[in-house]
Amino acid sequence: MDVETILATIHDYDGVRVEFSEENRFYAELMPEIFQVADPIITSEWYESVLSDPDQTLFAAVIGKDVLGVALVEVKKNLDSPIFITRRYLHIGEIAVAEAHRSQWIGRSLMA
């Protein structure tokens, strides 16, 4: 299985939406006291805003045109404070792998 990790594009929207929906349902079933199913989980407007934001990157693990997993990486900055040196860091906002493709190193590939 040749999984490729790419920067998601507008053409990956449907596959990314499916992965975020599956992740949302998983957490809603696992912890219903905290999470609920959101429909839609993402909109095309949100997706386009992520793709155009220089401080966010959306990676997709794909085989051909099939999206098997996603990772949303965000650049963050620590709070402005006279006691801290300003620094920027990466935050993994979301990571999801299709249930049928878990335990196949796809999440690790996304993290790399």
N, C-alpha and C. Protein backbone atom coordinates (compact mmCIF):
# COMPACT_ATOMS: atom_id res chain seq x y z
N MET A 1 0.85 -1.17 0.00
CA MET A 1 0.00 0.00 0.00
C MET A 1 0.90 1.23 0.00
N ASP A 2 0.85 2.03 -1.06
CA ASP A 2 1.66 3.22 -1.18
C ASP A 2 0.87 4.45 -0.75
N VAL A 3 0.98 4.80 0.53
CA VAL A 3 0.31 5.97 1.06
C VAL A 3 1.24 7.15 0.90
N GLU A 4 0.71 8.24 0.39
CA GLU A 4 1.47 9.46 0.19
C GLU A 4 0.89 10.54 1.10
N THR A 5 1.75 11.29 1.76
CA THR A 5 1.30 12.42 2.57
C THR A 5 1.50 13.68 1.76
N ILE A 6 0.41 14.42 1.57
CA ILE A 6 0.43 15.62 0.73
C ILE A 6 -0.15 16.80 1.49
N LEU A 7 0.09 18.00 0.97
CA LEU A 7 -0.64 19.16 1.43
C LEU A 7 -2.02 19.08 0.80
N ALA A 8 -3.05 19.15 1.62
CA ALA A 8 -4.41 19.05 1.09
C ALA A 8 -4.70 20.24 0.19
N THR A 9 -5.51 19.99 -0.82
CA THR A 9 -5.93 21.05 -1.75
C THR A 9 -7.45 21.10 -1.75
N ILE A 10 -7.97 22.04 -2.49
CA ILE A 10 -9.42 22.18 -2.60
C ILE A 10 -10.05 20.89 -3.14
N HIS A 11 -9.30 20.15 -3.93
CA HIS A 11 -9.81 18.92 -4.54
C HIS A 11 -9.97 17.78 -3.53
N ASP A 12 -9.37 17.93 -2.35
CA ASP A 12 -9.45 16.90 -1.31
C ASP A 12 -10.59 17.13 -0.33
N TYR A 13 -11.38 18.18 -0.55
CA TYR A 13 -12.42 18.57 0.42
C TYR A 13 -13.34 17.42 0.81
N ASP A 14 -13.89 16.71 -0.15
CA ASP A 14 -14.85 15.64 0.18
C ASP A 14 -14.21 14.56 1.05
N GLY A 15 -13.00 14.14 0.71
CA GLY A 15 -12.33 13.12 1.50
C GLY A 15 -11.97 13.61 2.89
N VAL A 16 -11.53 14.85 3.01
CA VAL A 16 -11.21 15.43 4.32
C VAL A 16 -12.47 15.53 5.16
N ARG A 17 -13.56 15.96 4.55
CA ARG A 17 -14.84 16.07 5.26
C ARG A 17 -15.27 14.72 5.82
N VAL A 18 -15.11 13.67 5.05
CA VAL A 18 -15.47 12.32 5.50
C VAL A 18 -14.62 11.93 6.70
N GLU A 19 -13.32 12.21 6.66
CA GLU A 19 -12.44 11.85 7.78
C GLU A 19 -12.78 12.62 9.04
N PHE A 20 -13.04 13.93 8.92
CA PHE A 20 -13.43 14.70 10.10
C PHE A 20 -14.78 14.23 10.64
N SER A 21 -15.70 13.85 9.78
CA SER A 21 -17.01 13.34 10.22
C SER A 21 -16.85 12.03 10.97
N GLU A 22 -16.01 11.14 10.45
CA GLU A 22 -15.79 9.85 11.12
C GLU A 22 -15.16 10.07 12.49
N GLU A 23 -14.19 10.99 12.57
CA GLU A 23 -13.56 11.30 13.86
C GLU A 23 -14.59 11.86 14.84
N ASN A 24 -15.45 12.76 14.36
CA ASN A 24 -16.48 13.37 15.20
C ASN A 24 -17.43 12.31 15.75
N ARG A 25 -17.88 11.40 14.90
CA ARG A 25 -18.78 10.33 15.35
C ARG A 25 -18.09 9.42 16.37
N PHE A 26 -16.81 9.11 16.14
CA PHE A 26 -16.05 8.27 17.06
C PHE A 26 -16.03 8.88 18.46
N TYR A 27 -15.70 10.17 18.54
CA TYR A 27 -15.62 10.82 19.86
C TYR A 27 -17.00 11.02 20.48
N ALA A 28 -18.01 11.27 19.68
CA ALA A 28 -19.36 11.41 20.21
C ALA A 28 -19.85 10.10 20.82
N GLU A 29 -19.49 8.96 20.23
CA GLU A 29 -19.86 7.66 20.79
C GLU A 29 -19.00 7.32 22.01
N LEU A 30 -17.73 7.68 21.97
CA LEU A 30 -16.81 7.36 23.05
C LEU A 30 -17.10 8.19 24.31
N MET A 31 -17.38 9.48 24.11
CA MET A 31 -17.57 10.38 25.25
C MET A 31 -18.79 11.29 25.01
N PRO A 32 -20.00 10.72 25.06
CA PRO A 32 -21.19 11.51 24.76
C PRO A 32 -21.46 12.63 25.76
N GLU A 33 -20.84 12.57 26.92
CA GLU A 33 -21.01 13.64 27.89
C GLU A 33 -20.19 14.88 27.51
N ILE A 34 -19.29 14.74 26.55
CA ILE A 34 -18.44 15.86 26.12
C ILE A 34 -18.71 16.24 24.66
N PHE A 35 -18.85 15.24 23.79
CA PHE A 35 -18.96 15.48 22.35
C PHE A 35 -20.34 15.13 21.82
N GLN A 36 -20.73 15.83 20.77
CA GLN A 36 -21.96 15.50 20.04
C GLN A 36 -21.65 15.51 18.55
N VAL A 37 -22.46 14.82 17.78
CA VAL A 37 -22.26 14.77 16.34
C VAL A 37 -22.65 16.13 15.76
N ALA A 38 -21.76 16.68 14.97
CA ALA A 38 -22.01 17.95 14.28
C ALA A 38 -22.20 17.66 12.80
N ASP A 39 -23.25 18.19 12.24
CA ASP A 39 -23.52 17.96 10.82
C ASP A 39 -23.92 19.28 10.17
N PRO A 40 -23.07 19.84 9.33
CA PRO A 40 -21.80 19.29 8.87
C PRO A 40 -20.69 19.58 9.88
N ILE A 41 -19.70 18.74 9.89
CA ILE A 41 -18.57 18.93 10.79
C ILE A 41 -17.66 20.03 10.26
N ILE A 42 -17.50 20.11 8.95
CA ILE A 42 -16.77 21.23 8.34
C ILE A 42 -17.56 21.72 7.14
N THR A 43 -17.37 22.98 6.83
CA THR A 43 -18.01 23.57 5.66
C THR A 43 -16.93 23.90 4.62
N SER A 44 -17.35 24.12 3.41
CA SER A 44 -16.39 24.49 2.37
C SER A 44 -15.74 25.84 2.71
N GLU A 45 -16.49 26.74 3.37
CA GLU A 45 -15.93 28.03 3.75
C GLU A 45 -14.81 27.85 4.78
N TRP A 46 -15.06 26.99 5.79
CA TRP A 46 -14.02 26.73 6.79
C TRP A 46 -12.81 26.11 6.12
N TYR A 47 -13.05 25.14 5.25
CA TYR A 47 -11.96 24.44 4.58
C TYR A 47 -11.11 25.41 3.76
N GLU A 48 -11.76 26.25 3.00
CA GLU A 48 -11.03 27.23 2.18
C GLU A 48 -10.25 28.20 3.06
N SER A 49 -10.82 28.57 4.22
CA SER A 49 -10.10 29.49 5.11
C SER A 49 -8.85 28.84 5.68
N VAL A 50 -8.92 27.55 5.99
CA VAL A 50 -7.73 26.82 6.48
C VAL A 50 -6.67 26.78 5.38
N LEU A 51 -7.08 26.45 4.17
CA LEU A 51 -6.11 26.34 3.07
C LEU A 51 -5.43 27.68 2.77
N SER A 52 -6.12 28.78 3.01
CA SER A 52 -5.55 30.09 2.69
C SER A 52 -4.85 30.75 3.88
N ASP A 53 -4.90 30.14 5.05
CA ASP A 53 -4.29 30.71 6.25
C ASP A 53 -2.82 30.30 6.33
N PRO A 54 -1.89 31.25 6.33
CA PRO A 54 -0.47 30.89 6.37
C PRO A 54 -0.04 30.24 7.69
N ASP A 55 -0.87 30.34 8.71
CA ASP A 55 -0.54 29.74 10.00
C ASP A 55 -1.21 28.38 10.21
N GLN A 56 -1.83 27.84 9.18
CA GLN A 56 -2.44 26.52 9.27
C GLN A 56 -2.04 25.70 8.04
N THR A 57 -1.82 24.43 8.27
CA THR A 57 -1.52 23.51 7.17
C THR A 57 -2.34 22.25 7.38
N LEU A 58 -2.96 21.80 6.32
CA LEU A 58 -3.75 20.58 6.38
C LEU A 58 -3.06 19.53 5.51
N PHE A 59 -2.63 18.47 6.16
CA PHE A 59 -1.99 17.35 5.45
C PHE A 59 -3.03 16.26 5.24
N ALA A 60 -2.90 15.55 4.13
CA ALA A 60 -3.78 14.42 3.84
C ALA A 60 -2.91 13.22 3.49
N ALA A 61 -3.27 12.08 4.05
CA ALA A 61 -2.64 10.81 3.67
C ALA A 61 -3.54 10.21 2.60
N VAL A 62 -3.00 9.96 1.43
CA VAL A 62 -3.82 9.53 0.30
C VAL A 62 -3.21 8.33 -0.41
N ILE A 63 -4.11 7.59 -1.03
CA ILE A 63 -3.73 6.61 -2.05
C ILE A 63 -4.52 7.05 -3.27
N GLY A 64 -3.81 7.49 -4.29
CA GLY A 64 -4.49 8.06 -5.44
C GLY A 64 -5.27 9.30 -5.01
N LYS A 65 -6.57 9.26 -5.20
CA LYS A 65 -7.43 10.38 -4.79
C LYS A 65 -8.18 10.09 -3.50
N ASP A 66 -7.97 8.91 -2.92
CA ASP A 66 -8.67 8.52 -1.70
C ASP A 66 -7.94 9.05 -0.47
N VAL A 67 -8.64 9.84 0.35
CA VAL A 67 -8.08 10.37 1.58
C VAL A 67 -8.28 9.34 2.69
N LEU A 68 -7.18 8.91 3.30
CA LEU A 68 -7.22 7.90 4.36
C LEU A 68 -7.02 8.51 5.74
N GLY A 69 -6.48 9.72 5.78
CA GLY A 69 -6.23 10.39 7.05
C GLY A 69 -5.91 11.85 6.83
N VAL A 70 -6.06 12.62 7.89
CA VAL A 70 -5.79 14.06 7.83
C VAL A 70 -5.11 14.52 9.12
N ALA A 71 -4.34 15.60 9.00
CA ALA A 71 -3.74 16.25 10.17
C ALA A 71 -3.76 17.75 9.93
N LEU A 72 -4.32 18.47 10.89
CA LEU A 72 -4.35 19.93 10.85
C LEU A 72 -3.27 20.44 11.78
N VAL A 73 -2.30 21.16 11.23
CA VAL A 73 -1.17 21.69 11.99
C VAL A 73 -1.30 23.22 12.00
N GLU A 74 -1.19 23.79 13.20
CA GLU A 74 -1.34 25.23 13.36
C GLU A 74 -0.09 25.83 14.00
N VAL A 75 0.33 26.98 13.49
CA VAL A 75 1.42 27.73 14.11
C VAL A 75 0.81 28.58 15.20
N LYS A 76 1.33 28.46 16.40
CA LYS A 76 0.84 29.23 17.55
C LYS A 76 1.98 30.09 18.08
N LYS A 77 1.61 31.07 18.87
CA LYS A 77 2.59 31.95 19.51
C LYS A 77 2.24 32.02 20.98
N ASN A 78 3.26 31.96 21.84
CA ASN A 78 2.97 32.04 23.26
C ASN A 78 2.41 33.43 23.61
N LEU A 79 1.79 33.52 24.76
CA LEU A 79 1.18 34.77 25.20
C LEU A 79 2.22 35.87 25.33
N ASP A 80 1.82 37.09 24.96
CA ASP A 80 2.70 38.24 25.17
C ASP A 80 2.80 38.50 26.66
N SER A 81 4.00 38.47 27.16
CA SER A 81 4.24 38.68 28.58
C SER A 81 5.68 39.11 28.76
N PRO A 82 5.93 40.02 29.68
CA PRO A 82 7.32 40.46 29.87
C PRO A 82 8.23 39.36 30.41
N ILE A 83 7.67 38.28 30.93
CA ILE A 83 8.52 37.22 31.47
C ILE A 83 8.87 36.13 30.46
N PHE A 84 8.18 36.11 29.33
CA PHE A 84 8.43 35.07 28.34
C PHE A 84 9.15 35.64 27.12
N ILE A 85 10.04 34.85 26.59
CA ILE A 85 10.63 35.17 25.30
C ILE A 85 9.61 34.73 24.25
N THR A 86 9.34 35.58 23.29
CA THR A 86 8.37 35.25 22.25
C THR A 86 8.86 34.04 21.47
N ARG A 87 7.97 33.09 21.30
CA ARG A 87 8.31 31.91 20.51
C ARG A 87 7.08 31.43 19.76
N ARG A 88 7.34 30.79 18.65
CA ARG A 88 6.28 30.18 17.86
C ARG A 88 6.48 28.68 17.93
N TYR A 89 5.38 27.96 17.89
CA TYR A 89 5.45 26.51 17.97
C TYR A 89 4.32 25.92 17.15
N LEU A 90 4.45 24.64 16.83
CA LEU A 90 3.42 23.94 16.08
C LEU A 90 2.49 23.21 17.03
N HIS A 91 1.23 23.25 16.69
CA HIS A 91 0.18 22.58 17.47
C HIS A 91 -0.59 21.67 16.52
N ILE A 92 -0.72 20.40 16.88
CA ILE A 92 -1.53 19.48 16.09
C ILE A 92 -2.97 19.69 16.54
N GLY A 93 -3.75 20.39 15.72
CA GLY A 93 -5.13 20.69 16.06
C GLY A 93 -6.05 19.50 15.90
N GLU A 94 -5.79 18.70 14.90
CA GLU A 94 -6.62 17.52 14.61
C GLU A 94 -5.74 16.48 13.93
N ILE A 95 -6.03 15.24 14.20
CA ILE A 95 -5.45 14.14 13.43
C ILE A 95 -6.48 13.03 13.41
N ALA A 96 -6.71 12.48 12.24
CA ALA A 96 -7.71 11.42 12.10
C ALA A 96 -7.27 10.47 10.99
N VAL A 97 -7.51 9.19 11.23
CA VAL A 97 -7.24 8.16 10.24
C VAL A 97 -8.50 7.33 10.08
N ALA A 98 -8.85 7.04 8.85
CA ALA A 98 -10.03 6.23 8.57
C ALA A 98 -9.96 4.92 9.35
N GLU A 99 -11.08 4.53 9.95
CA GLU A 99 -11.12 3.34 10.79
C GLU A 99 -10.58 2.11 10.06
N ALA A 100 -10.93 1.97 8.80
CA ALA A 100 -10.51 0.80 8.02
C ALA A 100 -9.01 0.79 7.76
N HIS A 101 -8.32 1.90 8.01
CA HIS A 101 -6.88 1.98 7.70
C HIS A 101 -6.03 2.26 8.94
N ARG A 102 -6.59 2.09 10.12
CA ARG A 102 -5.81 2.29 11.34
C ARG A 102 -4.83 1.13 11.52
N SER A 103 -3.81 1.35 12.31
CA SER A 103 -2.74 0.37 12.59
C SER A 103 -1.95 0.04 11.34
N GLN A 104 -1.85 1.00 10.43
CA GLN A 104 -1.07 0.81 9.20
C GLN A 104 -0.04 1.92 9.03
N TRP A 105 0.33 2.59 10.12
CA TRP A 105 1.35 3.62 10.14
C TRP A 105 0.94 4.92 9.45
N ILE A 106 -0.33 5.09 9.15
CA ILE A 106 -0.77 6.31 8.46
C ILE A 106 -0.68 7.51 9.39
N GLY A 107 -1.11 7.36 10.64
CA GLY A 107 -0.98 8.45 11.60
C GLY A 107 0.46 8.87 11.80
N ARG A 108 1.33 7.89 11.88
CA ARG A 108 2.77 8.18 12.02
C ARG A 108 3.29 8.93 10.80
N SER A 109 2.83 8.53 9.63
CA SER A 109 3.22 9.21 8.39
C SER A 109 2.75 10.67 8.41
N LEU A 110 1.54 10.90 8.89
CA LEU A 110 1.02 12.27 8.97
C LEU A 110 1.85 13.10 9.96
N MET A 111 2.23 12.50 11.07
CA MET A 111 3.01 13.22 12.07
C MET A 111 4.42 13.53 11.55
N ALA A 112 4.97 12.64 10.75
CA ALA A 112 6.33 12.87 10.21
C ALA A 112 6.30 14.03 9.24
